[in-house]
């Protein structure tokens, strides 16, 4: 191996970017601006029950509830070591319902609507049955909400055909992160 130093450079010029990168990651972690943690589940938590996500919104997409429930269960199976159970004595008990599914105009062009916004909200509740021992995440309730844009020239039914897979994916990620990553 040959060490070559270019004129006007020195041995440390190649190391400087690496040092800056390390300092950046240390600062980001210590400032709590961004966390590099993924899922945070105490080892004492072994089981989870995920209830069916009901649709209580004024507008009901009949395919959304079952798809959202299934996708959340799949994500928990693939990204945690928790065992899913149907009994009431699970360590974590997750219930949820779709609380909002509304359409509003979000863009106007030439005095007519050009873009519509579909807002989807899910209310989630986590019951930690291990709370007596102060283990794991405390009980909480939260709302997770996302907006999805679509052309005003489309009907809601037409837009749902293309938006539903994105809604299911994005909302599942948001619910999962809220449950296990405190985002």
C-alpha atoms as a PDB file:
ATOM      1  CA  UNK A   1       0.000   0.000   0.000  1.00  0.00           C
ATOM      2  CA  UNK A   2       1.363   3.382  -0.967  1.00  0.00           C
ATOM      3  CA  UNK A   3       0.443   6.602   0.805  1.00  0.00           C
ATOM      4  CA  UNK A   4       0.311   9.488  -1.606  1.00  0.00           C
ATOM      5  CA  UNK A   5      -0.036  13.060  -0.421  1.00  0.00           C
ATOM      6  CA  UNK A   6      -1.146  15.454  -3.111  1.00  0.00           C
ATOM      7  CA  UNK A   7       0.547  18.837  -3.291  1.00  0.00           C
ATOM      8  CA  UNK A   8      -1.312  21.282  -1.071  1.00  0.00           C
ATOM      9  CA  UNK A   9      -3.030  18.421   0.800  1.00  0.00           C
ATOM     10  CA  UNK A  10      -2.098  16.405   3.789  1.00  0.00           C
ATOM     11  CA  UNK A  11      -2.741  13.021   5.311  1.00  0.00           C
ATOM     12  CA  UNK A  12      -5.697  14.285   7.375  1.00  0.00           C
ATOM     13  CA  UNK A  13      -7.662  15.827   4.483  1.00  0.00           C
ATOM     14  CA  UNK A  14      -9.311  12.456   3.717  1.00  0.00           C
ATOM     15  CA  UNK A  15     -10.088  11.772   7.354  1.00  0.00           C
ATOM     16  CA  UNK A  16     -11.790  15.119   7.983  1.00  0.00           C
ATOM     17  CA  UNK A  17     -15.141  14.191   6.315  1.00  0.00           C
ATOM     18  CA  UNK A  18     -15.303  10.958   8.320  1.00  0.00           C
ATOM     19  CA  UNK A  19     -14.661  12.818  11.579  1.00  0.00           C
ATOM     20  CA  UNK A  20     -17.313  15.398  10.725  1.00  0.00           C
ATOM     21  CA  UNK A  21     -19.798  12.626   9.996  1.00  0.00           C
ATOM     22  CA  UNK A  22     -19.123  10.936  13.338  1.00  0.00           C
ATOM     23  CA  UNK A  23     -19.461  14.264  15.179  1.00  0.00           C
ATOM     24  CA  UNK A  24     -22.737  14.924  13.345  1.00  0.00           C
ATOM     25  CA  UNK A  25     -24.243  11.584  14.444  1.00  0.00           C
ATOM     26  CA  UNK A  26     -23.116  12.090  18.035  1.00  0.00           C
ATOM     27  CA  UNK A  27     -24.627  15.571  18.130  1.00  0.00           C
ATOM     28  CA  UNK A  28     -27.889  14.412  16.598  1.00  0.00           C
ATOM     29  CA  UNK A  29     -28.200  11.594  19.126  1.00  0.00           C
ATOM     30  CA  UNK A  30     -27.301  13.749  22.126  1.00  0.00           C
ATOM     31  CA  UNK A  31     -29.545  16.673  21.145  1.00  0.00           C
ATOM     32  CA  UNK A  32     -32.544  14.328  20.863  1.00  0.00           C
ATOM     33  CA  UNK A  33     -33.455  15.932  17.544  1.00  0.00           C
ATOM     34  CA  UNK A  34     -33.436  12.534  15.917  1.00  0.00           C
ATOM     35  CA  UNK A  35     -33.254   9.124  17.473  1.00  0.00           C
ATOM     36  CA  UNK A  36     -31.659   6.122  15.824  1.00  0.00           C
ATOM     37  CA  UNK A  37     -33.831   3.729  17.817  1.00  0.00           C
ATOM     38  CA  UNK A  38     -36.336   1.582  16.046  1.00  0.00           C
ATOM     39  CA  UNK A  39     -38.823  -0.453  17.999  1.00  0.00           C
ATOM     40  CA  UNK A  40     -38.568  -0.148  21.757  1.00  0.00           C
ATOM     41  CA  UNK A  41     -40.327  -2.989  23.578  1.00  0.00           C
ATOM     42  CA  UNK A  42     -39.170  -4.160  27.000  1.00  0.00           C
ATOM     43  CA  UNK A  43     -38.167  -7.842  27.108  1.00  0.00           C
ATOM     44  CA  UNK A  44     -40.865  -8.566  29.717  1.00  0.00           C
ATOM     45  CA  UNK A  45     -43.576  -7.808  27.136  1.00  0.00           C
ATOM     46  CA  UNK A  46     -44.284 -11.031  25.267  1.00  0.00           C
ATOM     47  CA  UNK A  47     -47.834 -10.880  23.908  1.00  0.00           C
ATOM     48  CA  UNK A  48     -50.092  -8.430  22.118  1.00  0.00           C
ATOM     49  CA  UNK A  49     -53.735  -8.403  21.136  1.00  0.00           C
ATOM     50  CA  UNK A  50     -54.697  -6.217  18.198  1.00  0.00           C
ATOM     51  CA  UNK A  51     -58.425  -5.707  17.902  1.00  0.00           C
ATOM     52  CA  UNK A  52     -60.301  -5.122  14.671  1.00  0.00           C
ATOM     53  CA  UNK A  53     -60.005  -1.484  13.594  1.00  0.00           C
ATOM     54  CA  UNK A  54     -63.612  -0.340  13.279  1.00  0.00           C
ATOM     55  CA  UNK A  55     -64.720   2.389  10.904  1.00  0.00           C
ATOM     56  CA  UNK A  56     -66.713   5.011  12.845  1.00  0.00           C
ATOM     57  CA  UNK A  57     -66.215   7.830  10.338  1.00  0.00           C
ATOM     58  CA  UNK A  58     -69.117   9.526   8.572  1.00  0.00           C
ATOM     59  CA  UNK A  59     -67.903   8.222   5.204  1.00  0.00           C
ATOM     60  CA  UNK A  60     -67.073   4.512   5.221  1.00  0.00           C
ATOM     61  CA  UNK A  61     -64.717   2.805   2.810  1.00  0.00           C
ATOM     62  CA  UNK A  62     -65.735  -0.822   3.455  1.00  0.00           C
ATOM     63  CA  UNK A  63     -62.304  -2.193   2.493  1.00  0.00           C
ATOM     64  CA  UNK A  64     -60.236   0.104   4.713  1.00  0.00           C
ATOM     65  CA  UNK A  65     -60.899  -1.418   8.156  1.00  0.00           C
ATOM     66  CA  UNK A  66     -60.018  -5.022   7.322  1.00  0.00           C
ATOM     67  CA  UNK A  67     -56.990  -3.995   5.255  1.00  0.00           C
ATOM     68  CA  UNK A  68     -55.668  -1.682   7.970  1.00  0.00           C
ATOM     69  CA  UNK A  69     -56.171  -4.336  10.662  1.00  0.00           C
ATOM     70  CA  UNK A  70     -54.428  -7.033   8.619  1.00  0.00           C
ATOM     71  CA  UNK A  71     -51.524  -4.788   7.644  1.00  0.00           C
ATOM     72  CA  UNK A  72     -50.938  -3.719  11.268  1.00  0.00           C
ATOM     73  CA  UNK A  73     -50.937  -7.350  12.418  1.00  0.00           C
ATOM     74  CA  UNK A  74     -48.478  -8.262   9.653  1.00  0.00           C
ATOM     75  CA  UNK A  75     -46.175  -5.382  10.586  1.00  0.00           C
ATOM     76  CA  UNK A  76     -46.184  -6.354  14.268  1.00  0.00           C
ATOM     77  CA  UNK A  77     -45.404  -9.971  13.278  1.00  0.00           C
ATOM     78  CA  UNK A  78     -42.545  -9.014  10.987  1.00  0.00           C
ATOM     79  CA  UNK A  79     -40.954  -6.215  13.027  1.00  0.00           C
ATOM     80  CA  UNK A  80     -41.356  -7.310  16.647  1.00  0.00           C
ATOM     81  CA  UNK A  81     -40.903 -10.494  18.655  1.00  0.00           C
ATOM     82  CA  UNK A  82     -44.358 -10.158  20.180  1.00  0.00           C
ATOM     83  CA  UNK A  83     -46.762 -13.081  19.946  1.00  0.00           C
ATOM     84  CA  UNK A  84     -50.255 -12.123  18.876  1.00  0.00           C
ATOM     85  CA  UNK A  85     -53.041 -13.580  20.991  1.00  0.00           C
ATOM     86  CA  UNK A  86     -56.805 -13.157  21.069  1.00  0.00           C
ATOM     87  CA  UNK A  87     -57.243 -13.445  24.830  1.00  0.00           C
ATOM     88  CA  UNK A  88     -57.914 -10.514  27.150  1.00  0.00           C
ATOM     89  CA  UNK A  89     -54.773 -11.172  29.179  1.00  0.00           C
ATOM     90  CA  UNK A  90     -52.262 -10.041  26.528  1.00  0.00           C
ATOM     91  CA  UNK A  91     -49.417  -7.890  27.844  1.00  0.00           C
ATOM     92  CA  UNK A  92     -50.323  -5.146  25.358  1.00  0.00           C
ATOM     93  CA  UNK A  93     -53.916  -4.662  24.234  1.00  0.00           C
ATOM     94  CA  UNK A  94     -54.347  -2.413  21.189  1.00  0.00           C
ATOM     95  CA  UNK A  95     -57.723  -1.110  20.100  1.00  0.00           C
ATOM     96  CA  UNK A  96     -58.382   1.429  17.380  1.00  0.00           C
ATOM     97  CA  UNK A  97     -61.045   2.920  15.172  1.00  0.00           C
ATOM     98  CA  UNK A  98     -61.158   5.132  12.097  1.00  0.00           C
ATOM     99  CA  UNK A  99     -62.500   8.388  13.498  1.00  0.00           C
ATOM    100  CA  UNK A 100     -62.346  10.651  10.456  1.00  0.00           C
ATOM    101  CA  UNK A 101     -62.585  10.120   6.712  1.00  0.00           C
ATOM    102  CA  UNK A 102     -63.467  13.428   5.102  1.00  0.00           C
ATOM    103  CA  UNK A 103     -62.892  15.186   1.807  1.00  0.00           C
ATOM    104  CA  UNK A 104     -62.170  18.883   1.437  1.00  0.00           C
ATOM    105  CA  UNK A 105     -60.972  21.149  -1.342  1.00  0.00           C
ATOM    106  CA  UNK A 106     -57.257  21.858  -1.054  1.00  0.00           C
ATOM    107  CA  UNK A 107     -56.446  23.555  -4.335  1.00  0.00           C
ATOM    108  CA  UNK A 108     -58.278  26.055  -6.511  1.00  0.00           C
ATOM    109  CA  UNK A 109     -57.412  27.032 -10.069  1.00  0.00           C
ATOM    110  CA  UNK A 110     -59.436  29.473 -12.160  1.00  0.00           C
ATOM    111  CA  UNK A 111     -62.050  29.657  -9.404  1.00  0.00           C
ATOM    112  CA  UNK A 112     -62.744  25.906  -9.492  1.00  0.00           C
ATOM    113  CA  UNK A 113     -61.436  23.120  -7.320  1.00  0.00           C
ATOM    114  CA  UNK A 114     -58.324  21.494  -8.782  1.00  0.00           C
ATOM    115  CA  UNK A 115     -57.234  19.307  -5.882  1.00  0.00           C
ATOM    116  CA  UNK A 116     -59.129  17.552  -3.133  1.00  0.00           C
ATOM    117  CA  UNK A 117     -57.756  16.342   0.168  1.00  0.00           C
ATOM    118  CA  UNK A 118     -58.874  13.157   1.875  1.00  0.00           C
ATOM    119  CA  UNK A 119     -58.149  13.275   5.605  1.00  0.00           C
ATOM    120  CA  UNK A 120     -57.987   9.957   7.415  1.00  0.00           C
ATOM    121  CA  UNK A 121     -57.658   9.758  11.203  1.00  0.00           C
ATOM    122  CA  UNK A 122     -57.356   6.721  13.425  1.00  0.00           C
ATOM    123  CA  UNK A 123     -57.809   6.828  17.183  1.00  0.00           C
ATOM    124  CA  UNK A 124     -55.570   4.260  18.896  1.00  0.00           C
ATOM    125  CA  UNK A 125     -55.500   3.033  22.459  1.00  0.00           C
ATOM    126  CA  UNK A 126     -52.820   0.923  24.098  1.00  0.00           C
ATOM    127  CA  UNK A 127     -53.498  -0.833  27.389  1.00  0.00           C
ATOM    128  CA  UNK A 128     -50.391  -2.174  29.103  1.00  0.00           C
ATOM    129  CA  UNK A 129     -51.430  -4.994  31.409  1.00  0.00           C
ATOM    130  CA  UNK A 130     -47.954  -5.010  32.979  1.00  0.00           C
ATOM    131  CA  UNK A 131     -48.417  -1.494  34.403  1.00  0.00           C
ATOM    132  CA  UNK A 132     -48.608  -2.858  37.947  1.00  0.00           C
ATOM    133  CA  UNK A 133     -44.950  -3.726  37.627  1.00  0.00           C
ATOM    134  CA  UNK A 134     -44.072  -0.426  35.853  1.00  0.00           C
ATOM    135  CA  UNK A 135     -42.873  -2.294  32.778  1.00  0.00           C
ATOM    136  CA  UNK A 136     -43.122  -1.134  29.216  1.00  0.00           C
ATOM    137  CA  UNK A 137     -45.091   1.677  27.682  1.00  0.00           C
ATOM    138  CA  UNK A 138     -47.713   3.329  29.884  1.00  0.00           C
ATOM    139  CA  UNK A 139     -51.356   3.225  28.804  1.00  0.00           C
ATOM    140  CA  UNK A 140     -52.161   5.906  26.278  1.00  0.00           C
ATOM    141  CA  UNK A 141     -54.617   7.088  23.674  1.00  0.00           C
ATOM    142  CA  UNK A 142     -53.635   9.047  20.593  1.00  0.00           C
ATOM    143  CA  UNK A 143     -54.894  10.132  17.205  1.00  0.00           C
ATOM    144  CA  UNK A 144     -52.939   9.487  14.039  1.00  0.00           C
ATOM    145  CA  UNK A 145     -53.944  11.518  11.009  1.00  0.00           C
ATOM    146  CA  UNK A 146     -52.804  11.840   7.394  1.00  0.00           C
ATOM    147  CA  UNK A 147     -53.879  13.806   4.341  1.00  0.00           C
ATOM    148  CA  UNK A 148     -54.015  12.338   0.843  1.00  0.00           C
ATOM    149  CA  UNK A 149     -54.358  14.580  -2.210  1.00  0.00           C
ATOM    150  CA  UNK A 150     -56.239  13.658  -5.380  1.00  0.00           C
ATOM    151  CA  UNK A 151     -57.478  15.452  -8.470  1.00  0.00           C
ATOM    152  CA  UNK A 152     -60.802  17.235  -8.123  1.00  0.00           C
ATOM    153  CA  UNK A 153     -61.781  15.771 -11.486  1.00  0.00           C
ATOM    154  CA  UNK A 154     -62.012  12.350  -9.796  1.00  0.00           C
ATOM    155  CA  UNK A 155     -64.881  11.167  -7.662  1.00  0.00           C
ATOM    156  CA  UNK A 156     -64.054   9.879  -4.199  1.00  0.00           C
ATOM    157  CA  UNK A 157     -64.875   6.336  -5.324  1.00  0.00           C
ATOM    158  CA  UNK A 158     -62.426   6.629  -8.232  1.00  0.00           C
ATOM    159  CA  UNK A 159     -59.732   8.132  -6.008  1.00  0.00           C
ATOM    160  CA  UNK A 160     -60.154   5.411  -3.376  1.00  0.00           C
ATOM    161  CA  UNK A 161     -59.059   2.781  -5.876  1.00  0.00           C
ATOM    162  CA  UNK A 162     -55.620   4.369  -6.106  1.00  0.00           C
ATOM    163  CA  UNK A 163     -55.408   5.919  -2.627  1.00  0.00           C
ATOM    164  CA  UNK A 164     -56.443   2.958  -0.450  1.00  0.00           C
ATOM    165  CA  UNK A 165     -53.126   1.050  -0.752  1.00  0.00           C
ATOM    166  CA  UNK A 166     -51.222   4.249   0.130  1.00  0.00           C
ATOM    167  CA  UNK A 167     -53.611   5.018   3.009  1.00  0.00           C
ATOM    168  CA  UNK A 168     -53.210   1.505   4.427  1.00  0.00           C
ATOM    169  CA  UNK A 169     -49.420   1.595   4.138  1.00  0.00           C
ATOM    170  CA  UNK A 170     -48.913   5.106   5.531  1.00  0.00           C
ATOM    171  CA  UNK A 171     -51.443   4.801   8.333  1.00  0.00           C
ATOM    172  CA  UNK A 172     -50.052   1.409   9.380  1.00  0.00           C
ATOM    173  CA  UNK A 173     -46.566   2.901   9.606  1.00  0.00           C
ATOM    174  CA  UNK A 174     -47.849   5.861  11.629  1.00  0.00           C
ATOM    175  CA  UNK A 175     -49.825   3.655  14.029  1.00  0.00           C
ATOM    176  CA  UNK A 176     -46.903   1.262  14.468  1.00  0.00           C
ATOM    177  CA  UNK A 177     -44.476   4.117  15.117  1.00  0.00           C
ATOM    178  CA  UNK A 178     -46.838   5.696  17.630  1.00  0.00           C
ATOM    179  CA  UNK A 179     -47.257   2.403  19.458  1.00  0.00           C
ATOM    180  CA  UNK A 180     -43.645   1.275  19.552  1.00  0.00           C
ATOM    181  CA  UNK A 181     -41.346   4.189  18.726  1.00  0.00           C
ATOM    182  CA  UNK A 182     -43.011   7.087  20.570  1.00  0.00           C
ATOM    183  CA  UNK A 183     -43.123   9.225  17.407  1.00  0.00           C
END
